[in-house]
Amino acid sequence: MVKAYSALSPLRSDAYRLLEYAVREIWSVPCPEIARSPRGKPYFPSRPDIFFSISHSGGRVLAAVADVPVGCDVQSTAVPVKQSVVARVCRPEELEGLGFFDLWTLKECWLKITDLPLDMRGIVFHAGSGLIVPPDPAFSARLYPSNGFQTALVARGDLPKEITELDILSLHF
């Protein structure tokens, strides 16, 4: 089970509010204390059965929770991208089926799941027949484009068809 929640907010910290909402909504428990791996990946040491990922960009926040490893990323597409950045992140064959922001968000998701050192070009996603194939075929990947943003989820198992949009101001705990 993978659930993702998104909201408009200029505050990066609101991604944690979405996370708290998601944990309460799905597991009916308060959000556990967050620790970080040596590379900085956040996790719940007291609840290894709850996986999560958060992201923020350009006034949008995102949180994904799951009972399987999950990574999420949102990126504003209004940002101009230099060709040198594209070359550092993408292989030419990847760009035949996916755009830069597609690949950026997918690769960010993968890094969040694996907690590996940053090597965007070494992570390869393929697109074909309407599917996105992650580096490990045991995982699923999906893109959720919206006005001015690209959002991606990667997880072991099935992904939701939609991301639930919330009003951050309406969240009360």
Protein backbone atom coordinates (compact mmCIF):
# COMPACT_ATOMS: atom_id res chain seq x y z
CA MET A 1 0.00 0.00 0.00
CA VAL A 2 1.38 3.35 -1.09
CA LYS A 3 -0.38 6.68 -0.45
CA ALA A 4 0.84 10.13 -1.42
CA TYR A 5 -0.39 13.56 -0.40
CA SER A 6 0.42 16.93 -1.94
CA ALA A 7 -0.35 20.54 -1.02
CA LEU A 8 0.51 24.05 -2.06
CA SER A 9 2.70 25.69 0.56
CA PRO A 10 5.71 28.02 0.56
CA LEU A 11 6.94 26.34 3.76
CA ARG A 12 9.27 23.36 3.34
CA SER A 13 8.33 22.27 6.85
CA ASP A 14 4.77 21.63 5.68
CA ALA A 15 6.03 18.43 4.04
CA TYR A 16 6.38 17.13 7.60
CA ARG A 17 2.82 18.24 8.38
CA LEU A 18 1.67 16.16 5.40
CA LEU A 19 3.73 13.24 6.68
CA GLU A 20 2.16 13.53 10.13
CA TYR A 21 -1.30 13.65 8.54
CA ALA A 22 -0.55 10.59 6.38
CA VAL A 23 0.72 8.47 9.28
CA ARG A 24 -2.33 9.33 11.38
CA GLU A 25 -4.68 8.72 8.44
CA ILE A 26 -3.24 5.34 7.44
CA TRP A 27 -1.94 3.81 10.69
CA SER A 28 -4.04 5.75 13.27
CA VAL A 29 -0.96 6.55 15.35
CA PRO A 30 0.98 9.76 16.03
CA CYS A 31 3.92 10.35 13.74
CA PRO A 32 6.94 8.54 15.25
CA GLU A 33 10.21 10.30 15.93
CA ILE A 34 12.38 10.68 12.84
CA ALA A 35 16.04 9.65 12.73
CA ARG A 36 18.50 9.93 9.84
CA SER A 37 20.86 7.42 8.29
CA PRO A 38 24.56 8.37 7.98
CA ARG A 39 23.78 9.70 4.47
CA GLY A 40 20.78 11.68 5.74
CA LYS A 41 17.85 9.46 4.75
CA PRO A 42 14.99 10.00 7.24
CA TYR A 43 13.27 6.97 8.78
CA PHE A 44 11.22 5.91 11.80
CA PRO A 45 13.47 3.79 14.07
CA SER A 46 10.52 2.77 16.26
CA ARG A 47 8.36 1.79 13.25
CA PRO A 48 10.45 -0.03 10.65
CA ASP A 49 7.16 -1.20 9.10
CA ILE A 50 6.31 2.36 7.97
CA PHE A 51 8.29 3.73 5.04
CA PHE A 52 8.07 7.36 3.95
CA SER A 53 9.51 10.01 1.71
CA ILE A 54 9.00 13.77 1.55
CA SER A 55 9.77 16.47 -0.99
CA HIS A 56 9.24 20.17 -1.66
CA SER A 57 9.81 22.50 -4.59
CA GLY A 58 8.59 25.88 -5.75
CA GLY A 59 5.70 26.19 -3.33
CA ARG A 60 4.52 22.57 -3.37
CA VAL A 61 5.07 19.93 -0.69
CA LEU A 62 4.70 16.16 -1.00
CA ALA A 63 4.67 13.20 1.38
CA ALA A 64 4.41 9.49 0.56
CA VAL A 65 3.87 6.70 3.08
CA ALA A 66 3.87 2.97 2.51
CA ASP A 67 4.34 -0.47 3.95
CA VAL A 68 7.10 -0.98 1.36
CA PRO A 69 10.16 1.10 0.42
CA VAL A 70 8.99 4.31 -1.28
CA GLY A 71 10.51 7.46 -2.73
CA CYS A 72 8.73 10.62 -3.83
CA ASP A 73 9.86 13.82 -5.49
CA VAL A 74 8.24 17.00 -6.77
CA GLN A 75 10.01 19.53 -8.93
CA SER A 76 8.91 22.87 -10.31
CA THR A 77 9.19 22.76 -14.10
CA ALA A 78 9.34 26.56 -14.30
CA VAL A 79 13.07 26.45 -13.49
CA PRO A 80 15.35 26.87 -16.52
CA VAL A 81 17.76 23.95 -16.91
CA LYS A 82 21.29 24.26 -18.26
CA GLN A 83 22.50 21.69 -20.77
CA SER A 84 25.44 20.90 -18.47
CA VAL A 85 22.97 19.82 -15.75
CA VAL A 86 21.05 17.65 -18.24
CA ALA A 87 24.31 15.96 -19.26
CA ARG A 88 25.27 15.36 -15.59
CA VAL A 89 21.89 13.78 -14.77
CA CYS A 90 20.73 11.99 -17.92
CA ARG A 91 22.09 9.57 -20.46
CA PRO A 92 21.18 10.37 -24.08
CA GLU A 93 19.23 7.10 -24.49
CA GLU A 94 17.08 7.95 -21.46
CA LEU A 95 16.06 11.27 -23.01
CA GLU A 96 14.60 9.43 -26.01
CA GLY A 97 11.60 8.34 -23.93
CA LEU A 98 11.50 10.70 -20.95
CA GLY A 99 12.01 14.42 -20.40
CA PHE A 100 14.57 15.98 -18.09
CA PHE A 101 12.13 16.69 -15.23
CA ASP A 102 10.69 13.18 -15.57
CA LEU A 103 14.15 11.71 -15.11
CA TRP A 104 15.18 14.15 -12.39
CA THR A 105 12.17 13.30 -10.21
CA LEU A 106 12.41 9.55 -10.86
CA LYS A 107 16.11 9.48 -10.01
CA GLU A 108 15.54 11.55 -6.86
CA CYS A 109 12.94 8.96 -5.81
CA TRP A 110 15.42 6.15 -6.39
CA LEU A 111 18.12 7.89 -4.35
CA LYS A 112 15.64 8.37 -1.50
CA ILE A 113 14.74 4.67 -1.53
CA THR A 114 18.26 3.29 -1.79
CA ASP A 115 20.15 5.86 0.31
CA LEU A 116 23.06 5.44 -2.13
CA PRO A 117 25.68 8.11 -2.88
CA LEU A 118 24.58 10.79 -5.33
CA ASP A 119 25.20 9.52 -8.88
CA MET A 120 22.23 10.61 -10.98
CA ARG A 121 23.74 9.57 -14.30
CA GLY A 122 24.43 6.06 -12.96
CA ILE A 123 20.72 5.52 -12.23
CA VAL A 124 18.94 4.47 -15.42
CA PHE A 125 15.20 4.56 -16.07
CA HIS A 126 13.69 3.40 -19.35
CA ALA A 127 10.34 4.21 -20.89
CA GLY A 128 8.51 2.00 -23.31
CA SER A 129 5.00 0.81 -24.12
CA GLY A 130 3.57 3.38 -21.72
CA LEU A 131 5.57 2.01 -18.78
CA ILE A 132 8.53 3.37 -16.85
CA VAL A 133 11.07 0.72 -15.94
CA PRO A 134 13.16 1.48 -12.82
CA PRO A 135 16.72 0.20 -12.25
CA ASP A 136 15.26 -2.74 -10.27
CA PRO A 137 12.26 -4.44 -11.94
CA ALA A 138 10.82 -5.35 -8.51
CA PHE A 139 9.90 -1.65 -8.21
CA SER A 140 7.23 0.42 -9.94
CA ALA A 141 7.54 4.02 -11.11
CA ARG A 142 4.90 6.56 -12.07
CA LEU A 143 4.86 10.22 -13.08
CA TYR A 144 2.13 12.64 -12.02
CA PRO A 145 2.47 15.85 -14.07
CA SER A 146 0.46 18.90 -13.03
CA ASN A 147 0.50 22.60 -13.80
CA GLY A 148 4.08 23.75 -13.41
CA PHE A 149 5.27 20.65 -11.53
CA GLN A 150 6.47 17.13 -12.19
CA THR A 151 5.86 14.63 -9.43
CA ALA A 152 7.12 11.05 -9.27
CA LEU A 153 6.68 8.02 -7.04
CA VAL A 154 8.81 4.89 -7.01
CA ALA A 155 8.04 1.95 -4.72
CA ARG A 156 8.25 -1.79 -4.41
CA GLY A 157 4.79 -2.82 -5.60
CA ASP A 158 1.76 -1.00 -6.96
CA LEU A 159 1.45 2.77 -7.02
CA PRO A 160 -1.68 4.89 -6.66
CA LYS A 161 -3.34 6.26 -9.78
CA GLU A 162 -3.55 9.69 -8.17
CA ILE A 163 -1.89 11.75 -5.48
CA THR A 164 -4.34 13.16 -2.94
CA GLU A 165 -4.32 16.95 -2.96
CA LEU A 166 -4.90 18.56 0.45
CA ASP A 167 -5.36 22.08 1.76
CA ILE A 168 -2.47 22.45 4.20
CA LEU A 169 -4.43 24.98 6.28
CA SER A 170 -7.23 22.48 6.86
CA LEU A 171 -4.94 19.91 8.52
CA HIS A 172 -5.62 19.78 12.25
CA PHE A 173 -4.17 17.20 14.64
